[in-house]
């Protein structure tokens, strides 16, 4: 998907990304799991993640998907101390207040 991040990049980077953009449909057709995905593919994967009940179940929990392929997360991502540190830092950085969330135990 295009993000516009390269709009201020040097000309050769913008030209390369433009060429990839033109070739993206071919790349996606022959290599559906390539890192260059069309908006349609990404939207379909999001719909799959939200509504698929056959493979993911009615209420999937702790599922990591790359497109529609399940992947394991890193050992580091399962570290509860790091998860807690990330949550607390995020709450501070965004200035989350009591009325900003419906979560009961967010502090």
N, C-alpha and C. Protein backbone atom coordinates (compact mmCIF):
# COMPACT_ATOMS: atom_id res chain seq x y z
N UNK A 1 0.84 -1.19 0.00
CA UNK A 1 0.00 0.00 0.00
C UNK A 1 0.88 1.24 0.00
N UNK A 2 0.41 2.25 -0.61
CA UNK A 2 1.17 3.50 -0.66
C UNK A 2 0.84 4.35 0.55
N UNK A 3 1.88 4.93 1.14
CA UNK A 3 1.68 5.77 2.32
C UNK A 3 2.03 7.22 2.07
N UNK A 4 2.69 7.53 0.98
CA UNK A 4 3.13 8.88 0.70
C UNK A 4 4.42 9.25 1.41
N UNK A 5 5.05 8.28 2.06
CA UNK A 5 6.28 8.56 2.79
C UNK A 5 7.43 9.00 1.88
N UNK A 6 7.37 8.63 0.63
CA UNK A 6 8.49 8.95 -0.27
C UNK A 6 8.28 10.27 -1.02
N UNK A 7 7.24 11.02 -0.71
CA UNK A 7 6.96 12.24 -1.48
C UNK A 7 8.10 13.26 -1.42
N UNK A 8 8.86 13.27 -0.33
CA UNK A 8 9.99 14.20 -0.21
C UNK A 8 11.33 13.51 -0.39
N UNK A 9 11.31 12.29 -0.87
CA UNK A 9 12.55 11.52 -1.07
C UNK A 9 13.26 11.99 -2.33
N UNK A 10 14.53 11.62 -2.46
CA UNK A 10 15.26 11.97 -3.70
C UNK A 10 14.55 11.39 -4.93
N UNK A 11 14.82 12.00 -6.06
CA UNK A 11 14.17 11.63 -7.31
C UNK A 11 14.32 10.15 -7.64
N UNK A 12 15.53 9.59 -7.44
CA UNK A 12 15.72 8.18 -7.79
C UNK A 12 14.86 7.25 -6.92
N UNK A 13 14.62 7.63 -5.67
CA UNK A 13 13.76 6.82 -4.80
C UNK A 13 12.32 6.92 -5.27
N UNK A 14 11.87 8.13 -5.56
CA UNK A 14 10.49 8.31 -6.04
C UNK A 14 10.28 7.59 -7.37
N UNK A 15 11.27 7.63 -8.25
CA UNK A 15 11.17 6.95 -9.54
C UNK A 15 11.11 5.44 -9.35
N UNK A 16 11.93 4.93 -8.44
CA UNK A 16 11.91 3.48 -8.14
C UNK A 16 10.57 3.06 -7.59
N UNK A 17 10.05 3.84 -6.67
CA UNK A 17 8.76 3.50 -6.08
C UNK A 17 7.63 3.63 -7.11
N UNK A 18 7.76 4.60 -8.02
CA UNK A 18 6.77 4.74 -9.10
C UNK A 18 6.78 3.52 -9.99
N UNK A 19 7.96 3.02 -10.32
CA UNK A 19 8.08 1.81 -11.15
C UNK A 19 7.48 0.61 -10.42
N UNK A 20 7.78 0.49 -9.14
CA UNK A 20 7.20 -0.61 -8.36
C UNK A 20 5.69 -0.48 -8.33
N UNK A 21 5.21 0.76 -8.21
CA UNK A 21 3.76 0.99 -8.22
C UNK A 21 3.11 0.51 -9.51
N UNK A 22 3.78 0.74 -10.63
CA UNK A 22 3.25 0.28 -11.92
C UNK A 22 3.28 -1.24 -12.02
N UNK A 23 4.30 -1.85 -11.42
CA UNK A 23 4.46 -3.30 -11.50
C UNK A 23 3.72 -4.04 -10.37
N UNK A 24 3.21 -3.30 -9.40
CA UNK A 24 2.58 -3.91 -8.23
C UNK A 24 1.50 -4.94 -8.58
N UNK A 25 0.60 -4.67 -9.52
CA UNK A 25 -0.40 -5.69 -9.85
C UNK A 25 0.22 -7.00 -10.33
N UNK A 26 1.29 -6.90 -11.14
CA UNK A 26 1.97 -8.12 -11.61
C UNK A 26 2.68 -8.83 -10.45
N UNK A 27 3.36 -8.05 -9.64
CA UNK A 27 4.05 -8.62 -8.47
C UNK A 27 3.05 -9.33 -7.57
N UNK A 28 1.92 -8.67 -7.31
CA UNK A 28 0.89 -9.24 -6.44
C UNK A 28 0.27 -10.50 -7.01
N UNK A 29 0.12 -10.53 -8.33
CA UNK A 29 -0.48 -11.70 -8.97
C UNK A 29 0.45 -12.91 -8.86
N UNK A 30 1.72 -12.72 -9.17
CA UNK A 30 2.66 -13.84 -9.18
C UNK A 30 3.24 -14.15 -7.80
N UNK A 31 3.21 -13.20 -6.91
CA UNK A 31 3.78 -13.39 -5.57
C UNK A 31 2.87 -12.71 -4.55
N UNK A 32 1.73 -13.34 -4.20
CA UNK A 32 0.73 -12.70 -3.35
C UNK A 32 1.22 -12.32 -1.96
N UNK A 33 2.28 -12.94 -1.48
CA UNK A 33 2.78 -12.61 -0.15
C UNK A 33 3.95 -11.62 -0.20
N UNK A 34 4.16 -10.99 -1.33
CA UNK A 34 5.26 -10.03 -1.46
C UNK A 34 4.99 -8.82 -0.56
N UNK A 35 6.03 -8.11 -0.16
CA UNK A 35 5.83 -6.96 0.71
C UNK A 35 5.09 -5.80 0.03
N UNK A 36 5.04 -5.79 -1.29
CA UNK A 36 4.30 -4.76 -2.01
C UNK A 36 2.90 -5.29 -2.29
N UNK A 37 1.94 -4.84 -1.50
CA UNK A 37 0.58 -5.36 -1.61
C UNK A 37 -0.34 -4.26 -2.14
N UNK A 38 -1.34 -4.68 -2.91
CA UNK A 38 -2.32 -3.71 -3.40
C UNK A 38 -3.28 -3.36 -2.27
N UNK A 39 -3.95 -2.24 -2.43
CA UNK A 39 -4.94 -1.82 -1.46
C UNK A 39 -6.06 -2.85 -1.37
N UNK A 40 -6.42 -3.42 -2.50
CA UNK A 40 -7.48 -4.44 -2.53
C UNK A 40 -7.06 -5.67 -1.72
N UNK A 41 -5.81 -6.11 -1.87
CA UNK A 41 -5.33 -7.26 -1.10
C UNK A 41 -5.37 -6.95 0.39
N UNK A 42 -4.87 -5.79 0.77
CA UNK A 42 -4.83 -5.43 2.18
C UNK A 42 -6.24 -5.33 2.76
N UNK A 43 -7.16 -4.77 2.00
CA UNK A 43 -8.55 -4.67 2.47
C UNK A 43 -9.17 -6.06 2.63
N UNK A 44 -8.88 -6.96 1.68
CA UNK A 44 -9.38 -8.33 1.78
C UNK A 44 -8.81 -9.06 2.99
N UNK A 45 -7.52 -8.83 3.27
CA UNK A 45 -6.90 -9.45 4.44
C UNK A 45 -7.50 -8.91 5.73
N UNK A 46 -7.82 -7.63 5.74
CA UNK A 46 -8.46 -7.04 6.93
C UNK A 46 -9.85 -7.62 7.13
N UNK A 47 -10.60 -7.78 6.06
CA UNK A 47 -11.93 -8.39 6.16
C UNK A 47 -11.82 -9.83 6.66
N UNK A 48 -10.83 -10.55 6.19
CA UNK A 48 -10.58 -11.92 6.64
C UNK A 48 -10.29 -11.93 8.14
N UNK A 49 -9.41 -11.04 8.58
CA UNK A 49 -9.04 -11.00 10.00
C UNK A 49 -10.23 -10.65 10.88
N UNK A 50 -11.11 -9.80 10.37
CA UNK A 50 -12.27 -9.37 11.17
C UNK A 50 -13.41 -10.37 11.18
N UNK A 51 -13.66 -11.04 10.06
CA UNK A 51 -14.89 -11.79 9.94
C UNK A 51 -14.76 -13.29 9.70
N UNK A 52 -13.56 -13.81 9.47
CA UNK A 52 -13.42 -15.24 9.24
C UNK A 52 -13.65 -15.99 10.54
N UNK A 53 -14.58 -16.93 10.51
CA UNK A 53 -14.85 -17.73 11.71
C UNK A 53 -14.39 -19.18 11.54
N UNK A 54 -14.19 -19.60 10.30
CA UNK A 54 -13.79 -20.99 10.06
C UNK A 54 -12.37 -21.26 10.52
N UNK A 55 -11.42 -20.44 10.11
CA UNK A 55 -10.02 -20.68 10.45
C UNK A 55 -9.58 -19.95 11.72
N UNK A 56 -10.11 -18.75 11.94
CA UNK A 56 -9.66 -17.95 13.08
C UNK A 56 -10.56 -18.10 14.30
N UNK A 57 -11.78 -18.63 14.10
CA UNK A 57 -12.71 -18.79 15.21
C UNK A 57 -13.55 -17.53 15.40
N UNK A 58 -14.55 -17.61 16.26
CA UNK A 58 -15.47 -16.51 16.47
C UNK A 58 -14.80 -15.33 17.18
N UNK A 59 -13.96 -15.62 18.15
CA UNK A 59 -13.28 -14.57 18.91
C UNK A 59 -11.79 -14.87 18.98
N UNK A 60 -11.07 -14.63 17.88
CA UNK A 60 -9.64 -14.95 17.89
C UNK A 60 -8.88 -14.09 18.89
N UNK A 61 -7.92 -14.70 19.54
CA UNK A 61 -7.11 -13.97 20.52
C UNK A 61 -5.65 -14.36 20.30
N UNK A 62 -4.79 -13.36 20.37
CA UNK A 62 -3.35 -13.57 20.23
C UNK A 62 -3.00 -14.24 18.90
N UNK A 63 -3.60 -13.74 17.82
CA UNK A 63 -3.32 -14.25 16.49
C UNK A 63 -2.53 -13.19 15.74
N UNK A 64 -1.41 -13.58 15.17
CA UNK A 64 -0.58 -12.68 14.38
C UNK A 64 -0.66 -13.13 12.93
N UNK A 65 -1.11 -12.24 12.07
CA UNK A 65 -1.28 -12.57 10.66
C UNK A 65 -0.36 -11.72 9.79
N UNK A 66 0.21 -12.35 8.78
CA UNK A 66 0.92 -11.66 7.72
C UNK A 66 0.09 -11.90 6.48
N UNK A 67 -0.75 -10.95 6.13
CA UNK A 67 -1.75 -11.20 5.09
C UNK A 67 -2.79 -12.13 5.69
N UNK A 68 -2.88 -13.33 5.15
CA UNK A 68 -3.79 -14.34 5.71
C UNK A 68 -3.06 -15.52 6.31
N UNK A 69 -1.74 -15.39 6.42
CA UNK A 69 -0.92 -16.47 6.94
C UNK A 69 -0.61 -16.23 8.41
N UNK A 70 -0.90 -17.24 9.23
CA UNK A 70 -0.57 -17.12 10.66
C UNK A 70 0.93 -17.15 10.85
N UNK A 71 1.41 -16.31 11.73
CA UNK A 71 2.83 -16.28 12.06
C UNK A 71 3.00 -16.23 13.56
N UNK A 72 4.09 -16.78 14.03
CA UNK A 72 4.41 -16.71 15.44
C UNK A 72 5.06 -15.37 15.72
N UNK A 73 4.78 -14.82 16.90
CA UNK A 73 5.45 -13.59 17.28
C UNK A 73 6.78 -13.93 17.94
N UNK A 74 7.61 -12.93 18.09
CA UNK A 74 8.93 -13.15 18.69
C UNK A 74 8.80 -13.44 20.18
N UNK A 75 9.82 -14.04 20.72
CA UNK A 75 9.87 -14.31 22.17
C UNK A 75 9.79 -12.99 22.92
N UNK A 76 10.47 -11.99 22.42
CA UNK A 76 10.49 -10.67 23.06
C UNK A 76 9.09 -10.07 23.17
N UNK A 77 8.25 -10.28 22.17
CA UNK A 77 6.90 -9.72 22.20
C UNK A 77 6.02 -10.39 23.25
N UNK A 78 6.42 -11.55 23.72
CA UNK A 78 5.64 -12.27 24.74
C UNK A 78 6.11 -11.95 26.16
N UNK A 79 7.15 -11.13 26.30
CA UNK A 79 7.70 -10.75 27.59
C UNK A 79 6.72 -9.81 28.29
N UNK A 80 6.11 -10.26 29.39
CA UNK A 80 5.08 -9.47 30.07
C UNK A 80 5.62 -8.16 30.65
N UNK A 81 6.87 -8.14 31.10
CA UNK A 81 7.46 -6.89 31.61
C UNK A 81 7.58 -5.86 30.49
N UNK A 82 7.98 -6.30 29.30
CA UNK A 82 8.10 -5.39 28.17
C UNK A 82 6.71 -4.92 27.71
N UNK A 83 5.73 -5.81 27.77
CA UNK A 83 4.36 -5.43 27.41
C UNK A 83 3.86 -4.34 28.36
N UNK A 84 4.12 -4.53 29.65
CA UNK A 84 3.68 -3.56 30.66
C UNK A 84 4.37 -2.22 30.44
N UNK A 85 5.68 -2.25 30.18
CA UNK A 85 6.45 -1.02 29.93
C UNK A 85 5.92 -0.30 28.70
N UNK A 86 5.63 -1.04 27.63
CA UNK A 86 5.09 -0.46 26.41
C UNK A 86 3.75 0.20 26.67
N UNK A 87 2.87 -0.49 27.41
CA UNK A 87 1.54 0.04 27.70
C UNK A 87 1.64 1.33 28.52
N UNK A 88 2.43 1.29 29.59
CA UNK A 88 2.56 2.46 30.46
C UNK A 88 3.17 3.65 29.72
N UNK A 89 4.17 3.39 28.90
CA UNK A 89 4.79 4.47 28.12
C UNK A 89 3.80 5.05 27.11
N UNK A 90 3.02 4.19 26.48
CA UNK A 90 2.03 4.65 25.50
C UNK A 90 0.96 5.51 26.16
N UNK A 91 0.50 5.10 27.34
CA UNK A 91 -0.51 5.87 28.08
C UNK A 91 0.03 7.26 28.39
N UNK A 92 1.30 7.33 28.82
CA UNK A 92 1.92 8.63 29.14
C UNK A 92 2.08 9.48 27.88
N UNK A 93 2.58 8.87 26.80
CA UNK A 93 2.85 9.62 25.58
C UNK A 93 1.60 10.23 24.96
N UNK A 94 0.49 9.52 25.00
CA UNK A 94 -0.74 10.05 24.40
C UNK A 94 -1.57 10.86 25.39
N UNK A 95 -1.17 10.86 26.66
CA UNK A 95 -1.90 11.62 27.67
C UNK A 95 -3.29 11.08 27.93
N UNK A 96 -3.41 9.76 27.97
CA UNK A 96 -4.71 9.11 28.17
C UNK A 96 -5.30 9.47 29.53
N UNK A 97 -6.56 9.85 29.53
CA UNK A 97 -7.28 10.21 30.76
C UNK A 97 -8.44 9.23 30.97
N UNK A 98 -9.03 9.27 32.15
CA UNK A 98 -10.10 8.33 32.50
C UNK A 98 -11.27 8.32 31.52
N UNK A 99 -11.69 9.46 31.02
CA UNK A 99 -12.83 9.52 30.11
C UNK A 99 -12.49 9.18 28.67
N UNK A 100 -11.22 8.90 28.38
CA UNK A 100 -10.79 8.65 27.00
C UNK A 100 -10.92 7.21 26.54
N UNK A 101 -11.20 6.31 27.45
CA UNK A 101 -11.23 4.88 27.09
C UNK A 101 -12.37 4.17 27.81
N UNK A 102 -12.86 3.12 27.18
CA UNK A 102 -13.89 2.29 27.80
C UNK A 102 -13.28 1.13 28.58
N UNK A 103 -11.95 1.00 28.53
CA UNK A 103 -11.26 -0.08 29.25
C UNK A 103 -11.41 0.14 30.75
N UNK A 104 -11.65 -0.95 31.48
CA UNK A 104 -11.85 -0.85 32.93
C UNK A 104 -10.52 -0.75 33.68
N UNK A 105 -9.58 -1.60 33.36
CA UNK A 105 -8.31 -1.63 34.09
C UNK A 105 -7.15 -1.18 33.21
N UNK A 106 -7.21 0.04 32.74
CA UNK A 106 -6.21 0.52 31.79
C UNK A 106 -5.00 1.16 32.46
N UNK A 107 -5.12 1.48 33.76
CA UNK A 107 -3.98 2.13 34.45
C UNK A 107 -2.96 1.13 34.89
